[in-house]
């Protein structure tokens, strides 16, 4: 990503953080990962068997701008959480609409960088 004043290097645009090892959540995360990749979105998928705190710390250290958090608490209500690194905003999104939401966020992110 580039704007007139700086160059911002990001290896990944989206990170999927799987917080639960259930088959249903695992299947959803894998499908989401494949679908985003098929749209040429650079995605990191964290399905490690680590505590959520470890995953969140690593997520912050890596600095990926769009974080998709998939855990049982929201998933049972057909929701996932999207966190925006630069604003710290948290968006609760219907899981069947999350790809559209991620694409919209990503496009807005690039448009705002180009406008600067």
C-alpha atoms as a PDB file:
ATOM      1  CA  UNK A   1       0.000   0.000   0.000  1.00  0.00           C
ATOM      2  CA  UNK A   2       1.322   3.420  -0.908  1.00  0.00           C
ATOM      3  CA  UNK A   3       0.260   6.988  -0.382  1.00  0.00           C
ATOM      4  CA  UNK A   4       2.017  10.228  -1.280  1.00  0.00           C
ATOM      5  CA  UNK A   5       3.888  10.475   2.016  1.00  0.00           C
ATOM      6  CA  UNK A   6       4.777   6.929   2.915  1.00  0.00           C
ATOM      7  CA  UNK A   7       5.004   3.346   1.863  1.00  0.00           C
ATOM      8  CA  UNK A   8       3.107   0.872   4.019  1.00  0.00           C
ATOM      9  CA  UNK A   9       4.181  -2.750   3.609  1.00  0.00           C
ATOM     10  CA  UNK A  10       1.689  -5.413   4.586  1.00  0.00           C
ATOM     11  CA  UNK A  11       2.357  -9.094   3.901  1.00  0.00           C
ATOM     12  CA  UNK A  12      -1.255 -10.039   4.537  1.00  0.00           C
ATOM     13  CA  UNK A  13      -4.470  -8.049   4.299  1.00  0.00           C
ATOM     14  CA  UNK A  14      -6.687 -10.307   6.410  1.00  0.00           C
ATOM     15  CA  UNK A  15      -6.048 -12.689   9.274  1.00  0.00           C
ATOM     16  CA  UNK A  16      -8.532 -15.371  10.276  1.00  0.00           C
ATOM     17  CA  UNK A  17      -8.133 -16.289  13.942  1.00  0.00           C
ATOM     18  CA  UNK A  18      -9.873 -19.542  14.831  1.00  0.00           C
ATOM     19  CA  UNK A  19     -10.558 -19.650  18.583  1.00  0.00           C
ATOM     20  CA  UNK A  20     -12.420 -22.936  18.769  1.00  0.00           C
ATOM     21  CA  UNK A  21     -11.490 -26.347  17.400  1.00  0.00           C
ATOM     22  CA  UNK A  22     -15.038 -27.559  16.697  1.00  0.00           C
ATOM     23  CA  UNK A  23     -15.597 -29.180  13.309  1.00  0.00           C
ATOM     24  CA  UNK A  24     -18.198 -26.571  12.369  1.00  0.00           C
ATOM     25  CA  UNK A  25     -15.913 -23.613  13.113  1.00  0.00           C
ATOM     26  CA  UNK A  26     -12.917 -25.316  11.524  1.00  0.00           C
ATOM     27  CA  UNK A  27     -14.904 -25.981   8.355  1.00  0.00           C
ATOM     28  CA  UNK A  28     -16.189 -22.389   8.253  1.00  0.00           C
ATOM     29  CA  UNK A  29     -12.680 -20.945   8.683  1.00  0.00           C
ATOM     30  CA  UNK A  30     -11.184 -23.174   6.002  1.00  0.00           C
ATOM     31  CA  UNK A  31     -13.965 -22.260   3.562  1.00  0.00           C
ATOM     32  CA  UNK A  32     -13.580 -18.555   4.347  1.00  0.00           C
ATOM     33  CA  UNK A  33      -9.819 -18.820   3.818  1.00  0.00           C
ATOM     34  CA  UNK A  34     -10.262 -20.487   0.410  1.00  0.00           C
ATOM     35  CA  UNK A  35     -12.921 -18.007  -0.702  1.00  0.00           C
ATOM     36  CA  UNK A  36     -10.848 -14.962   0.247  1.00  0.00           C
ATOM     37  CA  UNK A  37      -7.786 -16.423  -1.456  1.00  0.00           C
ATOM     38  CA  UNK A  38      -9.821 -17.047  -4.608  1.00  0.00           C
ATOM     39  CA  UNK A  39     -10.614 -13.300  -4.595  1.00  0.00           C
ATOM     40  CA  UNK A  40      -6.859 -12.507  -4.538  1.00  0.00           C
ATOM     41  CA  UNK A  41      -6.973 -11.334  -0.944  1.00  0.00           C
ATOM     42  CA  UNK A  42      -3.808 -12.185   0.994  1.00  0.00           C
ATOM     43  CA  UNK A  43      -4.944 -14.147   4.050  1.00  0.00           C
ATOM     44  CA  UNK A  44      -3.179 -15.621   7.068  1.00  0.00           C
ATOM     45  CA  UNK A  45      -5.127 -18.359   8.839  1.00  0.00           C
ATOM     46  CA  UNK A  46      -4.256 -19.013  12.491  1.00  0.00           C
ATOM     47  CA  UNK A  47      -5.658 -22.371  13.528  1.00  0.00           C
ATOM     48  CA  UNK A  48      -2.904 -23.177  16.018  1.00  0.00           C
ATOM     49  CA  UNK A  49      -3.957 -24.953  19.218  1.00  0.00           C
ATOM     50  CA  UNK A  50      -2.913 -21.942  21.337  1.00  0.00           C
ATOM     51  CA  UNK A  51      -4.837 -19.931  23.898  1.00  0.00           C
ATOM     52  CA  UNK A  52      -6.715 -16.951  22.498  1.00  0.00           C
ATOM     53  CA  UNK A  53      -4.431 -14.509  24.347  1.00  0.00           C
ATOM     54  CA  UNK A  54      -1.380 -15.914  22.561  1.00  0.00           C
ATOM     55  CA  UNK A  55      -3.124 -15.625  19.197  1.00  0.00           C
ATOM     56  CA  UNK A  56      -4.232 -12.040  19.888  1.00  0.00           C
ATOM     57  CA  UNK A  57      -0.722 -11.027  20.960  1.00  0.00           C
ATOM     58  CA  UNK A  58       0.757 -12.525  17.806  1.00  0.00           C
ATOM     59  CA  UNK A  59      -1.978 -10.896  15.726  1.00  0.00           C
ATOM     60  CA  UNK A  60      -0.997  -7.479  17.122  1.00  0.00           C
ATOM     61  CA  UNK A  61       2.704  -8.119  16.555  1.00  0.00           C
ATOM     62  CA  UNK A  62       2.209  -9.121  12.933  1.00  0.00           C
ATOM     63  CA  UNK A  63       0.084  -6.034  12.276  1.00  0.00           C
ATOM     64  CA  UNK A  64      -2.428  -7.360   9.760  1.00  0.00           C
ATOM     65  CA  UNK A  65      -5.036  -4.622   9.159  1.00  0.00           C
ATOM     66  CA  UNK A  66      -8.214  -6.762   9.082  1.00  0.00           C
ATOM     67  CA  UNK A  67      -8.684  -9.477  11.711  1.00  0.00           C
ATOM     68  CA  UNK A  68     -11.525 -11.984  11.499  1.00  0.00           C
ATOM     69  CA  UNK A  69     -12.146 -13.598  14.888  1.00  0.00           C
ATOM     70  CA  UNK A  70     -14.124 -16.855  14.806  1.00  0.00           C
ATOM     71  CA  UNK A  71     -15.059 -18.268  18.199  1.00  0.00           C
ATOM     72  CA  UNK A  72     -17.909 -20.299  19.630  1.00  0.00           C
ATOM     73  CA  UNK A  73     -19.483 -17.398  21.564  1.00  0.00           C
ATOM     74  CA  UNK A  74     -20.440 -15.438  18.438  1.00  0.00           C
ATOM     75  CA  UNK A  75     -20.560 -18.382  16.047  1.00  0.00           C
ATOM     76  CA  UNK A  76     -23.478 -19.995  17.887  1.00  0.00           C
ATOM     77  CA  UNK A  77     -25.436 -16.823  17.022  1.00  0.00           C
ATOM     78  CA  UNK A  78     -24.276 -17.023  13.369  1.00  0.00           C
ATOM     79  CA  UNK A  79     -21.883 -14.087  13.872  1.00  0.00           C
ATOM     80  CA  UNK A  80     -18.188 -13.464  13.516  1.00  0.00           C
ATOM     81  CA  UNK A  81     -16.140 -10.513  14.741  1.00  0.00           C
ATOM     82  CA  UNK A  82     -14.078  -8.316  12.449  1.00  0.00           C
ATOM     83  CA  UNK A  83     -11.467  -6.099  14.090  1.00  0.00           C
ATOM     84  CA  UNK A  84      -9.773  -3.217  12.324  1.00  0.00           C
ATOM     85  CA  UNK A  85      -6.239  -2.756  13.517  1.00  0.00           C
ATOM     86  CA  UNK A  86      -5.830   0.935  12.651  1.00  0.00           C
ATOM     87  CA  UNK A  87      -9.026   2.117  14.403  1.00  0.00           C
ATOM     88  CA  UNK A  88      -9.481  -0.701  16.960  1.00  0.00           C
ATOM     89  CA  UNK A  89     -13.103  -0.891  15.741  1.00  0.00           C
ATOM     90  CA  UNK A  90     -14.929  -4.184  16.285  1.00  0.00           C
ATOM     91  CA  UNK A  91     -17.707  -5.189  13.902  1.00  0.00           C
ATOM     92  CA  UNK A  92     -20.077  -8.042  14.648  1.00  0.00           C
ATOM     93  CA  UNK A  93     -21.098  -9.457  11.287  1.00  0.00           C
ATOM     94  CA  UNK A  94     -23.453 -12.188  10.103  1.00  0.00           C
ATOM     95  CA  UNK A  95     -21.223 -15.083   9.111  1.00  0.00           C
ATOM     96  CA  UNK A  96     -22.985 -15.471   5.770  1.00  0.00           C
ATOM     97  CA  UNK A  97     -22.256 -11.804   4.941  1.00  0.00           C
ATOM     98  CA  UNK A  98     -18.690 -11.629   6.214  1.00  0.00           C
ATOM     99  CA  UNK A  99     -16.998 -11.916   2.814  1.00  0.00           C
ATOM    100  CA  UNK A 100     -18.902  -8.895   1.511  1.00  0.00           C
ATOM    101  CA  UNK A 101     -18.051  -6.994   4.702  1.00  0.00           C
ATOM    102  CA  UNK A 102     -14.349  -7.900   4.466  1.00  0.00           C
ATOM    103  CA  UNK A 103     -14.219  -6.834   0.810  1.00  0.00           C
ATOM    104  CA  UNK A 104     -15.938  -3.543   1.633  1.00  0.00           C
ATOM    105  CA  UNK A 105     -13.535  -2.833   4.510  1.00  0.00           C
ATOM    106  CA  UNK A 106     -10.544  -3.732   2.341  1.00  0.00           C
ATOM    107  CA  UNK A 107     -11.702  -1.509  -0.530  1.00  0.00           C
ATOM    108  CA  UNK A 108     -12.335   1.407   1.851  1.00  0.00           C
ATOM    109  CA  UNK A 109      -8.883   0.912   3.352  1.00  0.00           C
ATOM    110  CA  UNK A 110      -7.203   1.178  -0.053  1.00  0.00           C
ATOM    111  CA  UNK A 111      -9.367   4.126  -1.124  1.00  0.00           C
ATOM    112  CA  UNK A 112      -8.484   6.055   2.013  1.00  0.00           C
ATOM    113  CA  UNK A 113      -4.780   5.432   1.431  1.00  0.00           C
ATOM    114  CA  UNK A 114      -4.989   6.556  -2.182  1.00  0.00           C
ATOM    115  CA  UNK A 115      -6.820   9.738  -1.168  1.00  0.00           C
ATOM    116  CA  UNK A 116      -3.990  10.829   1.125  1.00  0.00           C
END
